[in-house]
């Protein structure tokens, strides 16, 4: 598995992975909200972060991570390869190479909360709404 910088040409593949991953792990999100987020992520959010992806030996993207201002803003793994260490590898890269020390996690996403706690993050605060102002509480975490 190689970690590489993401080019704009890869954004459509990333949004596919994002949607599949969100559907597998964010069952609490309303469908209309998911559809509202998708174009924002594709047209704005990908460009606002330092994006890296994990590619297998065939050059296929298996997951990706985006960091901005020391915060892991996005970390999504293709559902078919979850649990194989790709998220941990991307997170380790974000910490070591991209200077990440913080992350916000949806409170309802217990898998993500457990993942980040496992790699050393602690909850430092809570917001009752997400970054879009929707009623999906966020847990703020830091190393």
N, C-alpha and C. Protein backbone atom coordinates (compact mmCIF):
# COMPACT_ATOMS: atom_id res chain seq x y z
N UNK A 1 0.85 -1.18 0.00
CA UNK A 1 0.00 0.00 0.00
C UNK A 1 0.89 1.24 0.00
N UNK A 2 0.63 2.14 -0.93
CA UNK A 2 1.38 3.40 -1.01
C UNK A 2 0.48 4.57 -0.67
N UNK A 3 1.04 5.57 -0.01
CA UNK A 3 0.31 6.80 0.25
C UNK A 3 0.83 7.85 -0.72
N UNK A 4 -0.11 8.48 -1.43
CA UNK A 4 0.25 9.44 -2.47
C UNK A 4 -0.60 10.69 -2.36
N UNK A 5 -0.07 11.78 -2.91
CA UNK A 5 -0.84 13.02 -3.03
C UNK A 5 -1.95 12.78 -4.04
N UNK A 6 -3.10 13.36 -3.80
CA UNK A 6 -4.26 13.18 -4.68
C UNK A 6 -4.32 14.32 -5.69
N UNK A 7 -4.54 13.96 -6.95
CA UNK A 7 -4.75 14.96 -7.99
C UNK A 7 -6.23 15.15 -8.25
N UNK A 8 -6.57 16.26 -8.89
CA UNK A 8 -7.97 16.55 -9.20
C UNK A 8 -8.63 15.43 -10.01
N UNK A 9 -7.84 14.76 -10.84
CA UNK A 9 -8.37 13.68 -11.67
C UNK A 9 -8.92 12.53 -10.82
N UNK A 10 -8.49 12.45 -9.56
CA UNK A 10 -8.93 11.37 -8.67
C UNK A 10 -10.17 11.74 -7.86
N UNK A 11 -10.64 12.98 -7.94
CA UNK A 11 -11.75 13.41 -7.09
C UNK A 11 -13.03 12.61 -7.30
N UNK A 12 -13.33 12.20 -8.52
CA UNK A 12 -14.55 11.41 -8.74
C UNK A 12 -14.46 10.05 -8.06
N UNK A 13 -13.28 9.45 -8.07
CA UNK A 13 -13.09 8.18 -7.36
C UNK A 13 -13.22 8.40 -5.86
N UNK A 14 -12.68 9.50 -5.36
CA UNK A 14 -12.77 9.79 -3.93
C UNK A 14 -14.21 9.98 -3.49
N UNK A 15 -15.01 10.66 -4.30
CA UNK A 15 -16.41 10.88 -3.90
C UNK A 15 -17.18 9.55 -3.90
N UNK A 16 -16.80 8.64 -4.78
CA UNK A 16 -17.41 7.29 -4.77
C UNK A 16 -17.07 6.58 -3.46
N UNK A 17 -15.81 6.65 -3.06
CA UNK A 17 -15.38 6.02 -1.81
C UNK A 17 -16.07 6.70 -0.63
N UNK A 18 -16.12 8.04 -0.65
CA UNK A 18 -16.79 8.78 0.42
C UNK A 18 -18.23 8.30 0.58
N UNK A 19 -18.98 8.26 -0.53
CA UNK A 19 -20.39 7.88 -0.44
C UNK A 19 -20.56 6.45 0.06
N UNK A 20 -19.77 5.52 -0.47
CA UNK A 20 -19.87 4.12 -0.04
C UNK A 20 -19.51 3.99 1.44
N UNK A 21 -18.49 4.70 1.85
CA UNK A 21 -18.05 4.64 3.24
C UNK A 21 -19.10 5.25 4.17
N UNK A 22 -19.64 6.40 3.79
CA UNK A 22 -20.66 7.05 4.62
C UNK A 22 -21.89 6.16 4.73
N UNK A 23 -22.29 5.54 3.64
CA UNK A 23 -23.44 4.64 3.69
C UNK A 23 -23.18 3.44 4.61
N UNK A 24 -21.93 3.00 4.69
CA UNK A 24 -21.58 1.85 5.52
C UNK A 24 -21.41 2.21 7.00
N UNK A 25 -21.09 3.47 7.29
CA UNK A 25 -20.73 3.83 8.67
C UNK A 25 -21.57 4.94 9.29
N UNK A 26 -22.30 5.68 8.49
CA UNK A 26 -23.05 6.84 9.00
C UNK A 26 -24.55 6.63 8.80
N UNK A 27 -25.09 5.51 9.30
CA UNK A 27 -26.50 5.22 9.14
C UNK A 27 -27.43 6.25 9.73
N UNK A 28 -26.92 7.10 10.58
CA UNK A 28 -27.71 8.14 11.22
C UNK A 28 -27.95 9.35 10.32
N UNK A 29 -27.21 9.49 9.23
CA UNK A 29 -27.38 10.64 8.34
C UNK A 29 -28.61 10.48 7.45
N UNK A 30 -29.40 11.53 7.35
CA UNK A 30 -30.56 11.51 6.45
C UNK A 30 -30.08 11.49 5.00
N UNK A 31 -30.80 10.78 4.14
CA UNK A 31 -30.43 10.66 2.73
C UNK A 31 -30.35 12.03 2.05
N UNK A 32 -31.30 12.92 2.34
CA UNK A 32 -31.26 14.23 1.68
C UNK A 32 -30.02 15.03 2.11
N UNK A 33 -29.58 14.84 3.34
CA UNK A 33 -28.38 15.54 3.80
C UNK A 33 -27.14 14.97 3.12
N UNK A 34 -27.10 13.65 2.97
CA UNK A 34 -25.99 13.03 2.25
C UNK A 34 -25.90 13.58 0.83
N UNK A 35 -27.05 13.70 0.17
CA UNK A 35 -27.07 14.22 -1.20
C UNK A 35 -26.70 15.71 -1.25
N UNK A 36 -27.00 16.43 -0.18
CA UNK A 36 -26.64 17.85 -0.08
C UNK A 36 -25.13 18.01 0.10
N UNK A 37 -24.53 17.11 0.87
CA UNK A 37 -23.09 17.18 1.14
C UNK A 37 -22.23 16.80 -0.07
N UNK A 38 -22.71 15.84 -0.83
CA UNK A 38 -21.89 15.27 -1.92
C UNK A 38 -21.31 16.32 -2.87
N UNK A 39 -22.10 17.24 -3.45
CA UNK A 39 -21.49 18.24 -4.34
C UNK A 39 -20.59 19.23 -3.60
N UNK A 40 -20.89 19.51 -2.34
CA UNK A 40 -20.03 20.41 -1.56
C UNK A 40 -18.65 19.80 -1.37
N UNK A 41 -18.63 18.52 -1.06
CA UNK A 41 -17.36 17.83 -0.87
C UNK A 41 -16.58 17.81 -2.17
N UNK A 42 -17.25 17.44 -3.24
CA UNK A 42 -16.59 17.33 -4.55
C UNK A 42 -16.09 18.67 -5.07
N UNK A 43 -16.88 19.72 -4.93
CA UNK A 43 -16.54 21.01 -5.54
C UNK A 43 -15.80 21.98 -4.62
N UNK A 44 -15.90 21.78 -3.29
CA UNK A 44 -15.28 22.72 -2.37
C UNK A 44 -14.32 22.07 -1.38
N UNK A 45 -14.80 21.07 -0.66
CA UNK A 45 -14.04 20.54 0.46
C UNK A 45 -12.76 19.82 0.05
N UNK A 46 -12.79 19.07 -1.05
CA UNK A 46 -11.57 18.40 -1.49
C UNK A 46 -10.47 19.42 -1.76
N UNK A 47 -10.84 20.56 -2.34
CA UNK A 47 -9.85 21.59 -2.66
C UNK A 47 -9.35 22.34 -1.42
N UNK A 48 -10.06 22.22 -0.30
CA UNK A 48 -9.72 22.97 0.90
C UNK A 48 -8.78 22.21 1.84
N UNK A 49 -8.45 20.97 1.50
CA UNK A 49 -7.61 20.15 2.37
C UNK A 49 -6.41 19.60 1.60
N UNK A 50 -5.41 19.19 2.36
CA UNK A 50 -4.25 18.49 1.82
C UNK A 50 -4.64 17.02 1.75
N UNK A 51 -4.96 16.56 0.55
CA UNK A 51 -5.50 15.21 0.35
C UNK A 51 -4.40 14.20 0.04
N UNK A 52 -4.48 13.06 0.71
CA UNK A 52 -3.60 11.92 0.42
C UNK A 52 -4.47 10.69 0.27
N UNK A 53 -4.01 9.76 -0.54
CA UNK A 53 -4.77 8.52 -0.72
C UNK A 53 -3.86 7.32 -0.54
N UNK A 54 -4.49 6.20 -0.23
CA UNK A 54 -3.79 4.92 -0.13
C UNK A 54 -4.14 4.12 -1.37
N UNK A 55 -3.11 3.71 -2.11
CA UNK A 55 -3.32 2.91 -3.32
C UNK A 55 -2.73 1.52 -3.12
N UNK A 56 -3.46 0.52 -3.63
CA UNK A 56 -2.95 -0.84 -3.56
C UNK A 56 -1.90 -1.07 -4.64
N UNK A 57 -1.39 -2.28 -4.73
CA UNK A 57 -0.31 -2.58 -5.69
C UNK A 57 -0.77 -2.45 -7.14
N UNK A 58 -2.09 -2.44 -7.37
CA UNK A 58 -2.62 -2.23 -8.72
C UNK A 58 -2.88 -0.75 -9.02
N UNK A 59 -2.54 0.12 -8.08
CA UNK A 59 -2.75 1.55 -8.27
C UNK A 59 -4.18 2.01 -8.02
N UNK A 60 -4.99 1.16 -7.39
CA UNK A 60 -6.39 1.51 -7.10
C UNK A 60 -6.49 2.18 -5.73
N UNK A 61 -7.20 3.28 -5.69
CA UNK A 61 -7.38 4.01 -4.44
C UNK A 61 -8.29 3.21 -3.52
N UNK A 62 -7.81 3.00 -2.28
CA UNK A 62 -8.54 2.22 -1.29
C UNK A 62 -9.14 3.10 -0.19
N UNK A 63 -8.60 4.30 -0.04
CA UNK A 63 -9.07 5.21 0.98
C UNK A 63 -8.34 6.53 0.86
N UNK A 64 -8.80 7.53 1.62
CA UNK A 64 -8.16 8.85 1.54
C UNK A 64 -8.32 9.60 2.84
N UNK A 65 -7.46 10.60 2.99
CA UNK A 65 -7.46 11.44 4.19
C UNK A 65 -7.18 12.87 3.76
N UNK A 66 -7.90 13.82 4.35
CA UNK A 66 -7.68 15.23 4.09
C UNK A 66 -7.41 15.97 5.37
N UNK A 67 -6.35 16.77 5.38
CA UNK A 67 -5.94 17.53 6.56
C UNK A 67 -5.93 19.01 6.23
N UNK A 68 -6.39 19.82 7.18
CA UNK A 68 -6.32 21.27 7.05
C UNK A 68 -6.05 21.87 8.43
N UNK A 69 -5.02 22.68 8.50
CA UNK A 69 -4.71 23.43 9.72
C UNK A 69 -4.62 22.51 10.95
N UNK A 70 -3.93 21.38 10.79
CA UNK A 70 -3.73 20.46 11.90
C UNK A 70 -4.91 19.57 12.25
N UNK A 71 -5.97 19.65 11.45
CA UNK A 71 -7.19 18.90 11.73
C UNK A 71 -7.43 17.86 10.63
N UNK A 72 -7.66 16.60 11.03
CA UNK A 72 -8.08 15.60 10.06
C UNK A 72 -9.53 15.92 9.73
N UNK A 73 -9.78 16.42 8.54
CA UNK A 73 -11.11 16.84 8.13
C UNK A 73 -11.92 15.70 7.52
N UNK A 74 -11.21 14.74 6.95
CA UNK A 74 -11.88 13.60 6.31
C UNK A 74 -10.93 12.41 6.29
N UNK A 75 -11.49 11.25 6.58
CA UNK A 75 -10.76 9.99 6.50
C UNK A 75 -11.79 8.93 6.17
N UNK A 76 -11.73 8.43 4.94
CA UNK A 76 -12.73 7.47 4.47
C UNK A 76 -12.03 6.32 3.76
N UNK A 77 -12.52 5.13 4.04
CA UNK A 77 -11.95 3.90 3.49
C UNK A 77 -13.04 3.17 2.71
N UNK A 78 -12.67 2.62 1.58
CA UNK A 78 -13.60 1.83 0.79
C UNK A 78 -14.12 0.68 1.66
N UNK A 79 -15.45 0.49 1.72
CA UNK A 79 -16.01 -0.52 2.63
C UNK A 79 -15.42 -1.92 2.47
N UNK A 80 -15.07 -2.30 1.27
CA UNK A 80 -14.54 -3.64 1.03
C UNK A 80 -13.18 -3.90 1.64
N UNK A 81 -12.47 -2.84 2.04
CA UNK A 81 -11.14 -3.01 2.63
C UNK A 81 -11.04 -2.42 4.04
N UNK A 82 -12.19 -2.12 4.64
CA UNK A 82 -12.17 -1.63 6.02
C UNK A 82 -11.64 -2.72 6.94
N UNK A 83 -10.96 -2.29 8.00
CA UNK A 83 -10.44 -3.24 8.98
C UNK A 83 -9.13 -3.88 8.59
N UNK A 84 -8.50 -3.39 7.54
CA UNK A 84 -7.24 -3.96 7.07
C UNK A 84 -6.04 -3.05 7.35
N UNK A 85 -6.24 -2.02 8.17
CA UNK A 85 -5.11 -1.15 8.55
C UNK A 85 -4.91 0.07 7.67
N UNK A 86 -5.75 0.25 6.65
CA UNK A 86 -5.57 1.38 5.73
C UNK A 86 -5.87 2.70 6.43
N UNK A 87 -6.92 2.73 7.23
CA UNK A 87 -7.24 3.94 7.98
C UNK A 87 -6.14 4.30 8.96
N UNK A 88 -5.61 3.30 9.65
CA UNK A 88 -4.52 3.54 10.59
C UNK A 88 -3.29 4.07 9.88
N UNK A 89 -3.01 3.53 8.69
CA UNK A 89 -1.85 3.99 7.92
C UNK A 89 -2.04 5.43 7.47
N UNK A 90 -3.24 5.76 6.97
CA UNK A 90 -3.51 7.13 6.55
C UNK A 90 -3.48 8.09 7.74
N UNK A 91 -4.03 7.67 8.87
CA UNK A 91 -4.02 8.52 10.06
C UNK A 91 -2.59 8.75 10.55
N UNK A 92 -1.78 7.70 10.55
CA UNK A 92 -0.38 7.84 10.98
C UNK A 92 0.36 8.81 10.06
N UNK A 93 0.08 8.71 8.76
CA UNK A 93 0.70 9.63 7.80
C UNK A 93 0.25 11.07 8.07
N UNK A 94 -1.05 11.24 8.36
CA UNK A 94 -1.58 12.57 8.65
C UNK A 94 -0.91 13.17 9.88
N UNK A 95 -0.66 12.34 10.89
CA UNK A 95 -0.03 12.82 12.11
C UNK A 95 1.44 13.15 11.88
N UNK A 96 2.15 12.25 11.24
CA UNK A 96 3.60 12.39 11.10
C UNK A 96 4.00 13.36 9.99
N UNK A 97 3.34 13.27 8.85
CA UNK A 97 3.76 14.04 7.67
C UNK A 97 2.95 15.30 7.42
N UNK A 98 1.71 15.35 7.92
CA UNK A 98 0.84 16.49 7.63
C UNK A 98 0.54 17.32 8.87
N UNK A 99 1.12 16.96 10.00
CA UNK A 99 1.00 17.76 11.21
C UNK A 99 -0.35 17.73 11.90
N UNK A 100 -1.15 16.71 11.64
CA UNK A 100 -2.48 16.63 12.27
C UNK A 100 -2.36 16.30 13.75
N UNK A 101 -3.17 16.98 14.56
CA UNK A 101 -3.21 16.71 15.99
C UNK A 101 -4.65 16.71 16.52
N UNK A 102 -5.61 17.00 15.63
CA UNK A 102 -7.01 17.12 16.04
C UNK A 102 -7.91 16.44 15.02
N UNK A 103 -9.13 16.12 15.46
CA UNK A 103 -10.14 15.57 14.57
C UNK A 103 -11.50 15.81 15.21
N UNK A 104 -12.52 16.02 14.40
CA UNK A 104 -13.90 16.08 14.86
C UNK A 104 -14.61 14.84 14.34
N UNK A 105 -15.40 14.21 15.21
CA UNK A 105 -16.08 12.97 14.87
C UNK A 105 -17.56 13.12 15.18
N UNK A 106 -18.42 12.63 14.28
CA UNK A 106 -19.85 12.60 14.59
C UNK A 106 -20.05 11.76 15.85
N UNK A 107 -20.77 12.31 16.79
CA UNK A 107 -21.01 11.62 18.06
C UNK A 107 -21.67 10.25 17.83
N UNK A 108 -22.55 10.16 16.83
CA UNK A 108 -23.25 8.90 16.56
C UNK A 108 -22.38 7.85 15.88
N UNK A 109 -21.20 8.26 15.40
CA UNK A 109 -20.32 7.33 14.70
C UNK A 109 -19.37 6.67 15.70
N UNK A 110 -19.90 5.66 16.39
CA UNK A 110 -19.13 5.00 17.45
C UNK A 110 -17.89 4.29 16.92
N UNK A 111 -17.95 3.80 15.68
CA UNK A 111 -16.77 3.14 15.10
C UNK A 111 -15.63 4.12 14.94
N UNK A 112 -15.92 5.32 14.42
CA UNK A 112 -14.87 6.33 14.24
C UNK A 112 -14.34 6.79 15.59
N UNK A 113 -15.23 6.99 16.55
CA UNK A 113 -14.81 7.40 17.89
C UNK A 113 -13.84 6.37 18.47
N UNK A 114 -14.19 5.10 18.38
CA UNK A 114 -13.32 4.04 18.88
C UNK A 114 -11.99 3.98 18.15
N UNK A 115 -12.02 4.17 16.83
CA UNK A 115 -10.80 4.17 16.02
C UNK A 115 -9.85 5.25 16.50
N UNK A 116 -10.35 6.47 16.61
CA UNK A 116 -9.47 7.58 17.00
C UNK A 116 -9.00 7.44 18.45
N UNK A 117 -9.84 6.92 19.34
CA UNK A 117 -9.39 6.68 20.70
C UNK A 117 -8.28 5.62 20.72
N UNK A 118 -8.42 4.61 19.89
CA UNK A 118 -7.44 3.53 19.81
C UNK A 118 -6.06 4.06 19.40
N UNK A 119 -6.03 5.08 18.53
CA UNK A 119 -4.73 5.59 18.06
C UNK A 119 -4.25 6.79 18.89
N UNK A 120 -4.93 7.06 20.02
CA UNK A 120 -4.40 8.03 20.96
C UNK A 120 -5.14 9.34 21.12
N UNK A 121 -6.24 9.54 20.40
CA UNK A 121 -7.00 10.78 20.54
C UNK A 121 -7.92 10.71 21.77
N UNK A 122 -8.14 11.86 22.38
CA UNK A 122 -9.05 11.99 23.52
C UNK A 122 -10.10 13.05 23.20
N UNK A 123 -11.31 12.85 23.69
CA UNK A 123 -12.38 13.84 23.51
C UNK A 123 -12.05 15.07 24.34
N UNK A 124 -12.07 16.23 23.70
CA UNK A 124 -11.76 17.49 24.39
C UNK A 124 -12.95 18.44 24.44
N UNK A 125 -14.01 18.12 23.69
CA UNK A 125 -15.17 18.99 23.69
C UNK A 125 -16.26 18.42 22.81
N UNK A 126 -17.39 19.14 22.77
CA UNK A 126 -18.55 18.68 22.00
C UNK A 126 -19.28 19.89 21.45
N UNK A 127 -19.77 19.77 20.23
CA UNK A 127 -20.65 20.77 19.62
C UNK A 127 -21.98 20.10 19.33
N UNK A 128 -23.10 20.79 19.58
CA UNK A 128 -24.41 20.17 19.35
C UNK A 128 -24.78 20.04 17.87
N UNK A 129 -24.04 20.74 17.00
CA UNK A 129 -24.32 20.69 15.55
C UNK A 129 -23.02 20.43 14.79
N UNK A 130 -23.17 19.99 13.55
CA UNK A 130 -21.99 19.76 12.71
C UNK A 130 -21.55 21.07 12.04
N UNK A 131 -20.57 20.97 11.16
CA UNK A 131 -20.03 22.14 10.49
C UNK A 131 -21.02 22.86 9.59
N UNK A 132 -22.11 22.20 9.22
CA UNK A 132 -23.14 22.79 8.38
C UNK A 132 -24.29 23.35 9.23
N UNK A 133 -24.16 23.23 10.54
CA UNK A 133 -25.22 23.71 11.42
C UNK A 133 -26.37 22.73 11.60
N UNK A 134 -26.19 21.49 11.14
CA UNK A 134 -27.23 20.45 11.28
C UNK A 134 -27.10 19.75 12.62
N UNK A 135 -28.19 19.17 13.07
CA UNK A 135 -28.25 18.55 14.39
C UNK A 135 -27.57 17.18 14.43
N UNK A 136 -26.32 17.15 14.03
CA UNK A 136 -25.49 15.95 14.14
C UNK A 136 -24.31 16.35 15.02
N UNK A 137 -24.38 16.09 16.33
CA UNK A 137 -23.35 16.55 17.26
C UNK A 137 -21.96 16.04 16.89
N UNK A 138 -20.97 16.89 17.14
CA UNK A 138 -19.57 16.54 16.90
C UNK A 138 -18.83 16.44 18.21
N UNK A 139 -17.95 15.45 18.28
CA UNK A 139 -17.00 15.36 19.38
C UNK A 139 -15.67 15.89 18.86
N UNK A 140 -15.09 16.82 19.59
CA UNK A 140 -13.78 17.37 19.24
C UNK A 140 -12.74 16.54 19.96
N UNK A 141 -11.76 16.08 19.22
CA UNK A 141 -10.73 15.20 19.79
C UNK A 141 -9.35 15.76 19.48
N UNK A 142 -8.40 15.46 20.37
CA UNK A 142 -7.02 15.88 20.16
C UNK A 142 -6.08 14.82 20.73
N UNK A 143 -4.87 14.85 20.27
CA UNK A 143 -3.85 13.93 20.80
C UNK A 143 -3.44 14.37 22.19
